[in-house]
Amino acid sequence: MKKTSTWLWGIVLIIIGVVLGINALGVAHINIFFPGWWTLFIIVPCFIGLFGNDNDKTGDLIGLCIGAILLMANMVIVRQFRILRILVLRELEHGHTKVTSTLF
């Protein structure tokens, strides 16, 4: 499995190099800095970690979900307040309506 992880990191670096080379030659203008580009620093290692030797994939799955949620929030696919509402416990939403109505 470690070999798979090494191959995936190599492919990621080659893709980044090709994109930067195409931009430098003026063949095409590919903007790699889109809204939420920084979340790829969370998503890519967690995704590659799914193919590693570690038997426990829980941390990688949690990181992948958090990275995807943050990416969607930055790309305005999901409103940021809606993410907060998803993460808040149901008891807080239903039990204390005054608190949640002022927050959301």
N, C-alpha and C. Protein backbone atom coordinates (compact mmCIF):
# COMPACT_ATOMS: atom_id res chain seq x y z
N MET A 1 0.81 -1.20 0.00
CA MET A 1 0.00 0.00 0.00
C MET A 1 0.86 1.27 0.00
N LYS A 2 2.06 1.19 0.60
CA LYS A 2 2.91 2.36 0.62
C LYS A 2 3.32 2.76 -0.79
N LYS A 3 3.47 1.76 -1.64
CA LYS A 3 3.83 2.04 -3.03
C LYS A 3 2.71 2.82 -3.72
N THR A 4 1.47 2.48 -3.42
CA THR A 4 0.34 3.21 -3.99
C THR A 4 0.36 4.67 -3.54
N SER A 5 0.63 4.90 -2.27
CA SER A 5 0.68 6.26 -1.75
C SER A 5 1.79 7.05 -2.43
N THR A 6 2.94 6.42 -2.64
CA THR A 6 4.06 7.09 -3.31
C THR A 6 3.69 7.44 -4.75
N TRP A 7 3.04 6.51 -5.43
CA TRP A 7 2.60 6.78 -6.80
C TRP A 7 1.61 7.95 -6.85
N LEU A 8 0.68 7.98 -5.92
CA LEU A 8 -0.31 9.06 -5.93
C LEU A 8 0.34 10.41 -5.69
N TRP A 9 1.30 10.50 -4.74
CA TRP A 9 2.00 11.76 -4.52
C TRP A 9 2.78 12.17 -5.77
N GLY A 10 3.37 11.21 -6.46
CA GLY A 10 4.09 11.51 -7.69
C GLY A 10 3.17 12.06 -8.77
N ILE A 11 1.99 11.47 -8.90
CA ILE A 11 1.02 11.95 -9.89
C ILE A 11 0.56 13.36 -9.56
N VAL A 12 0.31 13.64 -8.27
CA VAL A 12 -0.12 14.98 -7.86
C VAL A 12 0.96 16.00 -8.21
N LEU A 13 2.21 15.69 -7.91
CA LEU A 13 3.30 16.63 -8.21
C LEU A 13 3.49 16.82 -9.72
N ILE A 14 3.32 15.75 -10.51
CA ILE A 14 3.43 15.88 -11.96
C ILE A 14 2.32 16.76 -12.51
N ILE A 15 1.11 16.59 -12.01
CA ILE A 15 -0.02 17.42 -12.47
C ILE A 15 0.23 18.89 -12.14
N ILE A 16 0.72 19.16 -10.94
CA ILE A 16 1.02 20.55 -10.56
C ILE A 16 2.10 21.12 -11.48
N GLY A 17 3.14 20.32 -11.77
CA GLY A 17 4.21 20.76 -12.67
C GLY A 17 3.72 21.03 -14.08
N VAL A 18 2.84 20.18 -14.59
CA VAL A 18 2.30 20.38 -15.94
C VAL A 18 1.47 21.65 -16.00
N VAL A 19 0.63 21.88 -14.99
CA VAL A 19 -0.20 23.09 -14.96
C VAL A 19 0.68 24.34 -14.90
N LEU A 20 1.69 24.33 -14.03
CA LEU A 20 2.59 25.49 -13.95
C LEU A 20 3.37 25.69 -15.25
N GLY A 21 3.78 24.59 -15.91
CA GLY A 21 4.49 24.69 -17.18
C GLY A 21 3.60 25.26 -18.29
N ILE A 22 2.36 24.82 -18.35
CA ILE A 22 1.43 25.34 -19.36
C ILE A 22 1.20 26.83 -19.14
N ASN A 23 1.07 27.24 -17.89
CA ASN A 23 0.91 28.66 -17.60
C ASN A 23 2.15 29.45 -17.98
N ALA A 24 3.34 28.93 -17.69
CA ALA A 24 4.58 29.64 -17.99
C ALA A 24 4.82 29.77 -19.49
N LEU A 25 4.44 28.77 -20.27
CA LEU A 25 4.61 28.82 -21.72
C LEU A 25 3.54 29.66 -22.41
N GLY A 26 2.50 29.99 -21.71
CA GLY A 26 1.43 30.80 -22.29
C GLY A 26 0.49 30.01 -23.17
N VAL A 27 0.55 28.70 -23.09
CA VAL A 27 -0.34 27.86 -23.90
C VAL A 27 -1.78 28.04 -23.43
N ALA A 28 -1.98 28.07 -22.15
CA ALA A 28 -3.30 28.28 -21.56
C ALA A 28 -3.12 28.99 -20.23
N HIS A 29 -4.17 29.61 -19.78
CA HIS A 29 -4.13 30.26 -18.47
C HIS A 29 -5.04 29.48 -17.53
N ILE A 30 -4.43 28.68 -16.69
CA ILE A 30 -5.17 27.88 -15.72
C ILE A 30 -4.92 28.49 -14.36
N ASN A 31 -5.96 29.01 -13.76
CA ASN A 31 -5.83 29.64 -12.45
C ASN A 31 -5.96 28.57 -11.37
N ILE A 32 -4.85 28.29 -10.69
CA ILE A 32 -4.89 27.26 -9.65
C ILE A 32 -5.34 27.82 -8.31
N PHE A 33 -5.48 29.13 -8.22
CA PHE A 33 -5.91 29.75 -6.97
C PHE A 33 -7.39 30.12 -7.06
N PHE A 34 -8.24 29.12 -6.86
CA PHE A 34 -9.68 29.32 -6.86
C PHE A 34 -10.13 29.53 -5.42
N PRO A 35 -11.37 29.98 -5.20
CA PRO A 35 -11.84 30.15 -3.82
C PRO A 35 -11.78 28.83 -3.06
N GLY A 36 -11.05 28.82 -1.98
CA GLY A 36 -10.94 27.63 -1.16
C GLY A 36 -9.80 26.71 -1.56
N TRP A 37 -8.85 27.21 -2.35
CA TRP A 37 -7.74 26.39 -2.81
C TRP A 37 -6.92 25.82 -1.65
N TRP A 38 -6.89 26.54 -0.55
CA TRP A 38 -6.11 26.11 0.61
C TRP A 38 -6.67 24.84 1.23
N THR A 39 -7.94 24.52 1.00
CA THR A 39 -8.51 23.30 1.57
C THR A 39 -7.92 22.04 0.94
N LEU A 40 -7.27 22.19 -0.22
CA LEU A 40 -6.62 21.04 -0.83
C LEU A 40 -5.47 20.54 0.02
N PHE A 41 -4.91 21.41 0.89
CA PHE A 41 -3.86 20.97 1.82
C PHE A 41 -4.44 20.03 2.88
N ILE A 42 -5.74 20.01 3.05
CA ILE A 42 -6.40 19.07 3.95
C ILE A 42 -6.90 17.86 3.16
N ILE A 43 -7.51 18.12 2.01
CA ILE A 43 -8.18 17.06 1.24
C ILE A 43 -7.19 16.07 0.63
N VAL A 44 -6.16 16.56 -0.05
CA VAL A 44 -5.25 15.68 -0.78
C VAL A 44 -4.50 14.71 0.14
N PRO A 45 -3.88 15.18 1.25
CA PRO A 45 -3.20 14.20 2.12
C PRO A 45 -4.17 13.19 2.75
N CYS A 46 -5.37 13.63 3.10
CA CYS A 46 -6.35 12.70 3.67
C CYS A 46 -6.79 11.67 2.64
N PHE A 47 -6.98 12.10 1.39
CA PHE A 47 -7.37 11.17 0.33
C PHE A 47 -6.26 10.15 0.08
N ILE A 48 -5.02 10.62 0.00
CA ILE A 48 -3.90 9.70 -0.23
C ILE A 48 -3.71 8.79 0.98
N GLY A 49 -3.99 9.30 2.19
CA GLY A 49 -3.89 8.48 3.39
C GLY A 49 -4.85 7.31 3.41
N LEU A 50 -5.94 7.41 2.65
CA LEU A 50 -6.88 6.30 2.56
C LEU A 50 -6.24 5.07 1.91
N PHE A 51 -5.19 5.28 1.12
CA PHE A 51 -4.53 4.20 0.42
C PHE A 51 -3.25 3.74 1.12
N GLY A 52 -2.99 4.27 2.31
CA GLY A 52 -1.77 3.93 3.05
C GLY A 52 -1.87 2.61 3.78
N ASN A 53 -0.82 2.30 4.53
CA ASN A 53 -0.73 1.04 5.28
C ASN A 53 -1.57 1.02 6.54
N ASP A 54 -1.91 2.17 7.06
CA ASP A 54 -2.62 2.24 8.32
C ASP A 54 -3.99 1.58 8.20
N ASN A 55 -4.31 0.72 9.15
CA ASN A 55 -5.60 0.02 9.13
C ASN A 55 -6.74 0.93 9.56
N ASP A 56 -6.46 1.93 10.39
CA ASP A 56 -7.50 2.83 10.88
C ASP A 56 -7.61 4.03 9.94
N LYS A 57 -8.66 4.09 9.18
CA LYS A 57 -8.88 5.16 8.20
C LYS A 57 -9.80 6.25 8.73
N THR A 58 -10.15 6.20 10.03
CA THR A 58 -11.11 7.14 10.59
C THR A 58 -10.62 8.57 10.49
N GLY A 59 -9.37 8.81 10.86
CA GLY A 59 -8.83 10.16 10.81
C GLY A 59 -8.80 10.72 9.41
N ASP A 60 -8.45 9.88 8.44
CA ASP A 60 -8.43 10.32 7.05
C ASP A 60 -9.83 10.64 6.55
N LEU A 61 -10.81 9.82 6.93
CA LEU A 61 -12.19 10.10 6.50
C LEU A 61 -12.73 11.38 7.14
N ILE A 62 -12.42 11.59 8.41
CA ILE A 62 -12.87 12.81 9.08
C ILE A 62 -12.22 14.03 8.44
N GLY A 63 -10.92 13.96 8.19
CA GLY A 63 -10.22 15.07 7.54
C GLY A 63 -10.75 15.34 6.15
N LEU A 64 -11.06 14.27 5.41
CA LEU A 64 -11.61 14.42 4.07
C LEU A 64 -12.97 15.10 4.11
N CYS A 65 -13.82 14.72 5.06
CA CYS A 65 -15.14 15.34 5.20
C CYS A 65 -15.01 16.81 5.60
N ILE A 66 -14.16 17.10 6.55
CA ILE A 66 -13.97 18.50 6.98
C ILE A 66 -13.42 19.34 5.83
N GLY A 67 -12.45 18.81 5.11
CA GLY A 67 -11.90 19.53 3.97
C GLY A 67 -12.95 19.78 2.89
N ALA A 68 -13.79 18.78 2.62
CA ALA A 68 -14.83 18.95 1.60
C ALA A 68 -15.87 19.98 2.04
N ILE A 69 -16.23 19.97 3.32
CA ILE A 69 -17.20 20.95 3.83
C ILE A 69 -16.62 22.36 3.73
N LEU A 70 -15.35 22.52 4.11
CA LEU A 70 -14.72 23.84 4.02
C LEU A 70 -14.59 24.30 2.57
N LEU A 71 -14.28 23.38 1.66
CA LEU A 71 -14.18 23.73 0.25
C LEU A 71 -15.53 24.18 -0.29
N MET A 72 -16.59 23.44 0.04
CA MET A 72 -17.92 23.83 -0.42
C MET A 72 -18.34 25.17 0.18
N ALA A 73 -17.95 25.43 1.42
CA ALA A 73 -18.30 26.71 2.05
C ALA A 73 -17.57 27.86 1.35
N ASN A 74 -16.33 27.65 0.97
CA ASN A 74 -15.58 28.70 0.30
C ASN A 74 -16.02 28.91 -1.13
N MET A 75 -16.58 27.89 -1.75
CA MET A 75 -17.08 28.03 -3.11
C MET A 75 -18.56 28.40 -3.11
N VAL A 76 -19.10 28.74 -1.96
CA VAL A 76 -20.47 29.18 -1.74
C VAL A 76 -21.47 28.15 -2.26
N ILE A 77 -21.09 26.87 -2.20
CA ILE A 77 -22.04 25.81 -2.51
C ILE A 77 -22.94 25.61 -1.30
N VAL A 78 -22.35 25.71 -0.14
CA VAL A 78 -23.09 25.59 1.11
C VAL A 78 -22.87 26.89 1.88
N ARG A 79 -23.93 27.47 2.36
CA ARG A 79 -23.79 28.68 3.17
C ARG A 79 -23.08 28.35 4.46
N GLN A 80 -22.23 29.26 4.93
CA GLN A 80 -21.42 28.99 6.11
C GLN A 80 -22.28 28.80 7.35
N PHE A 81 -23.36 29.54 7.47
CA PHE A 81 -24.21 29.38 8.64
C PHE A 81 -24.91 28.02 8.62
N ARG A 82 -25.17 27.50 7.45
CA ARG A 82 -25.78 26.18 7.36
C ARG A 82 -24.82 25.10 7.86
N ILE A 83 -23.52 25.29 7.62
CA ILE A 83 -22.53 24.36 8.14
C ILE A 83 -22.55 24.37 9.65
N LEU A 84 -22.65 25.55 10.25
CA LEU A 84 -22.73 25.63 11.70
C LEU A 84 -23.96 24.90 12.21
N ARG A 85 -25.06 25.05 11.51
CA ARG A 85 -26.29 24.39 11.91
C ARG A 85 -26.16 22.87 11.82
N ILE A 86 -25.43 22.39 10.80
CA ILE A 86 -25.22 20.95 10.67
C ILE A 86 -24.40 20.42 11.84
N LEU A 87 -23.41 21.20 12.27
CA LEU A 87 -22.50 20.74 13.31
C LEU A 87 -23.07 20.88 14.72
N VAL A 88 -24.10 21.70 14.90
CA VAL A 88 -24.68 21.89 16.23
C VAL A 88 -25.55 20.69 16.57
N LEU A 89 -25.51 20.28 17.82
CA LEU A 89 -26.31 19.13 18.24
C LEU A 89 -27.80 19.42 18.12
N ARG A 90 -28.58 18.38 17.83
CA ARG A 90 -30.02 18.54 17.67
C ARG A 90 -30.68 19.04 18.95
N GLU A 91 -30.19 18.60 20.11
CA GLU A 91 -30.78 19.03 21.36
C GLU A 91 -30.68 20.54 21.53
N LEU A 92 -29.56 21.10 21.08
CA LEU A 92 -29.39 22.54 21.20
C LEU A 92 -30.37 23.27 20.29
N GLU A 93 -30.56 22.75 19.07
CA GLU A 93 -31.48 23.40 18.14
C GLU A 93 -32.93 23.33 18.63
N HIS A 94 -33.35 22.16 19.10
CA HIS A 94 -34.75 21.99 19.46
C HIS A 94 -35.02 22.39 20.91
N GLY A 95 -34.05 22.22 21.77
CA GLY A 95 -34.28 22.50 23.18
C GLY A 95 -34.18 23.98 23.54
N HIS A 96 -33.32 24.71 22.86
CA HIS A 96 -33.11 26.12 23.19
C HIS A 96 -33.35 26.97 21.94
N THR A 97 -34.59 27.17 21.59
CA THR A 97 -34.92 27.86 20.35
C THR A 97 -34.50 29.32 20.39
N LYS A 98 -34.49 29.95 21.58
CA LYS A 98 -34.07 31.35 21.65
C LYS A 98 -32.61 31.50 21.28
N VAL A 99 -31.77 30.58 21.74
CA VAL A 99 -30.34 30.66 21.43
C VAL A 99 -30.10 30.45 19.94
N THR A 100 -30.72 29.43 19.36
CA THR A 100 -30.46 29.14 17.95
C THR A 100 -31.12 30.18 17.05
N SER A 101 -32.22 30.76 17.46
CA SER A 101 -32.84 31.75 16.59
C SER A 101 -32.00 33.02 16.53
N THR A 102 -31.25 33.33 17.59
CA THR A 102 -30.39 34.50 17.52
C THR A 102 -29.10 34.19 16.78
N LEU A 103 -28.64 32.92 16.82
CA LEU A 103 -27.42 32.57 16.12
C LEU A 103 -27.65 32.40 14.63
N PHE A 104 -28.79 31.82 14.25
CA PHE A 104 -29.03 31.52 12.85
C PHE A 104 -30.12 32.39 12.33
